[in-house]
Amino acid sequence: MKSLPLFDTSRLAVIKAEREALLKRLQRVRLDAHSRIRMQQKVSLLTAEQVRLELALDARR
């Protein structure tokens, strides 16, 4: 079952905001290596999800 574009669009906005917040935090805060790696992994996962949603939305147009 495909989700409606509106839901994908709102989910995309949430992902973008969360990703931007993590990137800002990475630049501001000095983290230990383990925390930095976990946060960078989270950014990578959010980026992949963002790209997937953007491609899905573009394919529907």
PDB file of N, CA and C in Angstrom:
ATOM      1  N   MET A   1       0.837  -1.175   0.000  1.00  0.00           N
ATOM      2  CA  MET A   1       0.000   0.000   0.000  1.00  0.00           C
ATOM      3  C   MET A   1       0.887   1.244   0.000  1.00  0.00           C
ATOM      4  N   LYS A   2       0.651   2.131  -0.925  1.00  0.00           N
ATOM      5  CA  LYS A   2       1.443   3.351  -1.011  1.00  0.00           C
ATOM      6  C   LYS A   2       0.849   4.416  -0.103  1.00  0.00           C
ATOM      7  N   SER A   3       1.753   5.179   0.512  1.00  0.00           N
ATOM      8  CA  SER A   3       1.268   6.279   1.346  1.00  0.00           C
ATOM      9  C   SER A   3       0.993   7.489   0.462  1.00  0.00           C
ATOM     10  N   LEU A   4       0.185   8.370   0.980  1.00  0.00           N
ATOM     11  CA  LEU A   4      -0.164   9.571   0.235  1.00  0.00           C
ATOM     12  C   LEU A   4       1.014  10.544   0.223  1.00  0.00           C
ATOM     13  N   PRO A   5       1.183  11.293  -0.848  1.00  0.00           N
ATOM     14  CA  PRO A   5       2.296  12.249  -0.923  1.00  0.00           C
ATOM     15  C   PRO A   5       2.324  13.246   0.230  1.00  0.00           C
ATOM     16  N   LEU A   6       1.156  13.619   0.743  1.00  0.00           N
ATOM     17  CA  LEU A   6       1.104  14.560   1.852  1.00  0.00           C
ATOM     18  C   LEU A   6       1.839  14.013   3.067  1.00  0.00           C
ATOM     19  N   PHE A   7       1.649  12.720   3.348  1.00  0.00           N
ATOM     20  CA  PHE A   7       2.333  12.106   4.481  1.00  0.00           C
ATOM     21  C   PHE A   7       3.828  12.050   4.241  1.00  0.00           C
ATOM     22  N   ASP A   8       4.233  11.727   3.012  1.00  0.00           N
ATOM     23  CA  ASP A   8       5.654  11.705   2.682  1.00  0.00           C
ATOM     24  C   ASP A   8       6.254  13.098   2.794  1.00  0.00           C
ATOM     25  N   THR A   9       5.514  14.099   2.377  1.00  0.00           N
ATOM     26  CA  THR A   9       6.000  15.475   2.434  1.00  0.00           C
ATOM     27  C   THR A   9       6.182  15.926   3.880  1.00  0.00           C
ATOM     28  N   SER A  10       5.229  15.608   4.728  1.00  0.00           N
ATOM     29  CA  SER A  10       5.359  16.003   6.134  1.00  0.00           C
ATOM     30  C   SER A  10       6.474  15.211   6.815  1.00  0.00           C
ATOM     31  N   ARG A  11       6.606  13.939   6.476  1.00  0.00           N
ATOM     32  CA  ARG A  11       7.697  13.119   7.027  1.00  0.00           C
ATOM     33  C   ARG A  11       9.046  13.659   6.556  1.00  0.00           C
ATOM     34  N   LEU A  12       9.115  14.097   5.310  1.00  0.00           N
ATOM     35  CA  LEU A  12      10.338  14.664   4.765  1.00  0.00           C
ATOM     36  C   LEU A  12      10.725  15.934   5.526  1.00  0.00           C
ATOM     37  N   ALA A  13       9.763  16.752   5.840  1.00  0.00           N
ATOM     38  CA  ALA A  13      10.033  17.981   6.596  1.00  0.00           C
ATOM     39  C   ALA A  13      10.581  17.662   7.986  1.00  0.00           C
ATOM     40  N   VAL A  14      10.027  16.645   8.629  1.00  0.00           N
ATOM     41  CA  VAL A  14      10.502  16.236   9.957  1.00  0.00           C
ATOM     42  C   VAL A  14      11.938  15.729   9.867  1.00  0.00           C
ATOM     43  N   ILE A  15      12.219  14.913   8.865  1.00  0.00           N
ATOM     44  CA  ILE A  15      13.563  14.357   8.689  1.00  0.00           C
ATOM     45  C   ILE A  15      14.575  15.467   8.429  1.00  0.00           C
ATOM     46  N   LYS A  16      14.217  16.413   7.558  1.00  0.00           N
ATOM     47  CA  LYS A  16      15.124  17.523   7.257  1.00  0.00           C
ATOM     48  C   LYS A  16      15.430  18.337   8.520  1.00  0.00           C
ATOM     49  N   ALA A  17      14.409  18.625   9.305  1.00  0.00           N
ATOM     50  CA  ALA A  17      14.598  19.416  10.525  1.00  0.00           C
ATOM     51  C   ALA A  17      15.474  18.672  11.534  1.00  0.00           C
ATOM     52  N   GLU A  18      15.219  17.390  11.706  1.00  0.00           N
ATOM     53  CA  GLU A  18      16.003  16.591  12.649  1.00  0.00           C
ATOM     54  C   GLU A  18      17.461  16.496  12.195  1.00  0.00           C
ATOM     55  N   ARG A  19      17.651  16.302  10.903  1.00  0.00           N
ATOM     56  CA  ARG A  19      19.004  16.194  10.341  1.00  0.00           C
ATOM     57  C   ARG A  19      19.769  17.508  10.522  1.00  0.00           C
ATOM     58  N   GLU A  20      19.115  18.626  10.238  1.00  0.00           N
ATOM     59  CA  GLU A  20      19.760  19.931  10.404  1.00  0.00           C
ATOM     60  C   GLU A  20      20.116  20.189  11.863  1.00  0.00           C
ATOM     61  N   ALA A  21      19.237  19.809  12.778  1.00  0.00           N
ATOM     62  CA  ALA A  21      19.514  19.997  14.203  1.00  0.00           C
ATOM     63  C   ALA A  21      20.721  19.168  14.641  1.00  0.00           C
ATOM     64  N   LEU A  22      20.807  17.943  14.164  1.00  0.00           N
ATOM     65  CA  LEU A  22      21.956  17.103  14.503  1.00  0.00           C
ATOM     66  C   LEU A  22      23.255  17.670  13.933  1.00  0.00           C
ATOM     67  N   LEU A  23      23.210  18.155  12.701  1.00  0.00           N
ATOM     68  CA  LEU A  23      24.407  18.729  12.097  1.00  0.00           C
ATOM     69  C   LEU A  23      24.875  19.969  12.865  1.00  0.00           C
ATOM     70  N   LYS A  24      23.944  20.806  13.294  1.00  0.00           N
ATOM     71  CA  LYS A  24      24.300  21.985  14.080  1.00  0.00           C
ATOM     72  C   LYS A  24      24.903  21.574  15.415  1.00  0.00           C
ATOM     73  N   ARG A  25      24.322  20.557  16.027  1.00  0.00           N
ATOM     74  CA  ARG A  25      24.832  20.081  17.315  1.00  0.00           C
ATOM     75  C   ARG A  25      26.237  19.504  17.157  1.00  0.00           C
ATOM     76  N   LEU A  26      26.473  18.786  16.079  1.00  0.00           N
ATOM     77  CA  LEU A  26      27.806  18.242  15.825  1.00  0.00           C
ATOM     78  C   LEU A  26      28.844  19.363  15.703  1.00  0.00           C
ATOM     79  N   GLN A  27      28.466  20.468  15.124  1.00  0.00           N
ATOM     80  CA  GLN A  27      29.400  21.582  14.956  1.00  0.00           C
ATOM     81  C   GLN A  27      29.635  22.345  16.259  1.00  0.00           C
ATOM     82  N   ARG A  28      28.607  22.423  17.104  1.00  0.00           N
ATOM     83  CA  ARG A  28      28.687  23.223  18.328  1.00  0.00           C
ATOM     84  C   ARG A  28      29.357  22.507  19.487  1.00  0.00           C
ATOM     85  N   VAL A  29      28.964  21.255  19.712  1.00  0.00           N
ATOM     86  CA  VAL A  29      29.322  20.545  20.937  1.00  0.00           C
ATOM     87  C   VAL A  29      30.539  19.652  20.706  1.00  0.00           C
ATOM     88  N   ARG A  30      31.419  19.649  21.683  1.00  0.00           N
ATOM     89  CA  ARG A  30      32.552  18.720  21.640  1.00  0.00           C
ATOM     90  C   ARG A  30      32.078  17.402  22.253  1.00  0.00           C
ATOM     91  N   LEU A  31      32.130  16.345  21.473  1.00  0.00           N
ATOM     92  CA  LEU A  31      31.641  15.050  21.919  1.00  0.00           C
ATOM     93  C   LEU A  31      32.784  14.056  22.004  1.00  0.00           C
ATOM     94  N   ASP A  32      32.599  13.050  22.846  1.00  0.00           N
ATOM     95  CA  ASP A  32      33.568  11.961  22.846  1.00  0.00           C
ATOM     96  C   ASP A  32      33.385  11.178  21.547  1.00  0.00           C
ATOM     97  N   ALA A  33      34.361  10.357  21.213  1.00  0.00           N
ATOM     98  CA  ALA A  33      34.372   9.660  19.915  1.00  0.00           C
ATOM     99  C   ALA A  33      33.134   8.795  19.711  1.00  0.00           C
ATOM    100  N   HIS A  34      32.722   8.083  20.735  1.00  0.00           N
ATOM    101  CA  HIS A  34      31.573   7.184  20.591  1.00  0.00           C
ATOM    102  C   HIS A  34      30.282   7.951  20.320  1.00  0.00           C
ATOM    103  N   SER A  35      30.086   9.033  21.045  1.00  0.00           N
ATOM    104  CA  SER A  35      28.881   9.847  20.839  1.00  0.00           C
ATOM    105  C   SER A  35      28.886  10.485  19.457  1.00  0.00           C
ATOM    106  N   ARG A  36      30.061  10.972  19.022  1.00  0.00           N
ATOM    107  CA  ARG A  36      30.174  11.581  17.696  1.00  0.00           C
ATOM    108  C   ARG A  36      29.862  10.557  16.608  1.00  0.00           C
ATOM    109  N   ILE A  37      30.369   9.356  16.742  1.00  0.00           N
ATOM    110  CA  ILE A  37      30.112   8.303  15.745  1.00  0.00           C
ATOM    111  C   ILE A  37      28.628   7.965  15.697  1.00  0.00           C
ATOM    112  N   ARG A  38      27.990   7.836  16.864  1.00  0.00           N
ATOM    113  CA  ARG A  38      26.547   7.543  16.897  1.00  0.00           C
ATOM    114  C   ARG A  38      25.751   8.658  16.238  1.00  0.00           C
ATOM    115  N   MET A  39      26.128   9.905  16.525  1.00  0.00           N
ATOM    116  CA  MET A  39      25.408  11.030  15.952  1.00  0.00           C
ATOM    117  C   MET A  39      25.634  11.114  14.438  1.00  0.00           C
ATOM    118  N   GLN A  40      26.845  10.856  13.991  1.00  0.00           N
ATOM    119  CA  GLN A  40      27.128  10.857  12.557  1.00  0.00           C
ATOM    120  C   GLN A  40      26.376   9.738  11.842  1.00  0.00           C
ATOM    121  N   GLN A  41      26.251   8.586  12.510  1.00  0.00           N
ATOM    122  CA  GLN A  41      25.482   7.487  11.930  1.00  0.00           C
ATOM    123  C   GLN A  41      24.011   7.880  11.808  1.00  0.00           C
ATOM    124  N   LYS A  42      23.483   8.542  12.820  1.00  0.00           N
ATOM    125  CA  LYS A  42      22.091   8.999  12.779  1.00  0.00           C
ATOM    126  C   LYS A  42      21.886   9.989  11.626  1.00  0.00           C
ATOM    127  N   VAL A  43      22.848  10.897  11.431  1.00  0.00           N
ATOM    128  CA  VAL A  43      22.771  11.845  10.319  1.00  0.00           C
ATOM    129  C   VAL A  43      22.781  11.095   8.993  1.00  0.00           C
ATOM    130  N   SER A  44      23.636  10.083   8.876  1.00  0.00           N
ATOM    131  CA  SER A  44      23.710   9.292   7.641  1.00  0.00           C
ATOM    132  C   SER A  44      22.397   8.570   7.358  1.00  0.00           C
ATOM    133  N   LEU A  45      21.796   8.006   8.385  1.00  0.00           N
ATOM    134  CA  LEU A  45      20.519   7.314   8.213  1.00  0.00           C
ATOM    135  C   LEU A  45      19.416   8.291   7.812  1.00  0.00           C
ATOM    136  N   LEU A  46      19.395   9.454   8.438  1.00  0.00           N
ATOM    137  CA  LEU A  46      18.393  10.462   8.088  1.00  0.00           C
ATOM    138  C   LEU A  46      18.601  10.965   6.658  1.00  0.00           C
ATOM    139  N   THR A  47      19.856  11.120   6.254  1.00  0.00           N
ATOM    140  CA  THR A  47      20.146  11.559   4.895  1.00  0.00           C
ATOM    141  C   THR A  47      19.658  10.531   3.880  1.00  0.00           C
ATOM    142  N   ALA A  48      19.905   9.260   4.159  1.00  0.00           N
ATOM    143  CA  ALA A  48      19.449   8.194   3.262  1.00  0.00           C
ATOM    144  C   ALA A  48      17.924   8.169   3.174  1.00  0.00           C
ATOM    145  N   GLU A  49      17.255   8.332   4.294  1.00  0.00           N
ATOM    146  CA  GLU A  49      15.789   8.353   4.308  1.00  0.00           C
ATOM    147  C   GLU A  49      15.267   9.578   3.556  1.00  0.00           C
ATOM    148  N   GLN A  50      15.946  10.713   3.728  1.00  0.00           N
ATOM    149  CA  GLN A  50      15.553  11.927   3.019  1.00  0.00           C
ATOM    150  C   GLN A  50      15.665  11.731   1.508  1.00  0.00           C
ATOM    151  N   VAL A  51      16.753  11.164   1.061  1.00  0.00           N
ATOM    152  CA  VAL A  51      16.948  10.925  -0.372  1.00  0.00           C
ATOM    153  C   VAL A  51      15.898   9.961  -0.904  1.00  0.00           C
ATOM    154  N   ARG A  52      15.610   8.901  -0.130  1.00  0.00           N
ATOM    155  CA  ARG A  52      14.604   7.923  -0.551  1.00  0.00           C
ATOM    156  C   ARG A  52      13.236   8.579  -0.720  1.00  0.00           C
ATOM    157  N   LEU A  53      12.850   9.406   0.245  1.00  0.00           N
ATOM    158  CA  LEU A  53      11.554  10.083   0.163  1.00  0.00           C
ATOM    159  C   LEU A  53      11.513  11.082  -0.987  1.00  0.00           C
ATOM    160  N   GLU A  54      12.599  11.824  -1.186  1.00  0.00           N
ATOM    161  CA  GLU A  54      12.634  12.789  -2.289  1.00  0.00           C
ATOM    162  C   GLU A  54      12.521  12.089  -3.636  1.00  0.00           C
ATOM    163  N   LEU A  55      13.196  10.965  -3.776  1.00  0.00           N
ATOM    164  CA  LEU A  55      13.097  10.203  -5.029  1.00  0.00           C
ATOM    165  C   LEU A  55      11.685   9.657  -5.235  1.00  0.00           C
ATOM    166  N   ALA A  56      11.068   9.183  -4.147  1.00  0.00           N
ATOM    167  CA  ALA A  56       9.700   8.656  -4.254  1.00  0.00           C
ATOM    168  C   ALA A  56       8.721   9.763  -4.635  1.00  0.00           C
ATOM    169  N   LEU A  57       8.899  10.941  -4.055  1.00  0.00           N
ATOM    170  CA  LEU A  57       8.015  12.059  -4.399  1.00  0.00           C
ATOM    171  C   LEU A  57       8.239  12.510  -5.832  1.00  0.00           C
ATOM    172  N   ASP A  58       9.476  12.541  -6.284  1.00  0.00           N
ATOM    173  CA  ASP A  58       9.765  12.925  -7.668  1.00  0.00           C
ATOM    174  C   ASP A  58       9.201  11.903  -8.653  1.00  0.00           C
ATOM    175  N   ALA A  59       9.224  10.651  -8.287  1.00  0.00           N
ATOM    176  CA  ALA A  59       8.719   9.603  -9.176  1.00  0.00           C
ATOM    177  C   ALA A  59       7.205   9.708  -9.362  1.00  0.00           C
ATOM    178  N   ARG A  60       6.518  10.265  -8.388  1.00  0.00           N
ATOM    179  CA  ARG A  60       5.060  10.396  -8.475  1.00  0.00           C
ATOM    180  C   ARG A  60       4.628  11.590  -9.309  1.00  0.00           C
ATOM    181  N   ARG A  61       5.536  12.475  -9.572  1.00  0.00           N
ATOM    182  CA  ARG A  61       5.177  13.704 -10.321  1.00  0.00           C
ATOM    183  C   ARG A  61       5.159  13.461 -11.779  1.00  0.00           C
TER     184      ARG A  61
END
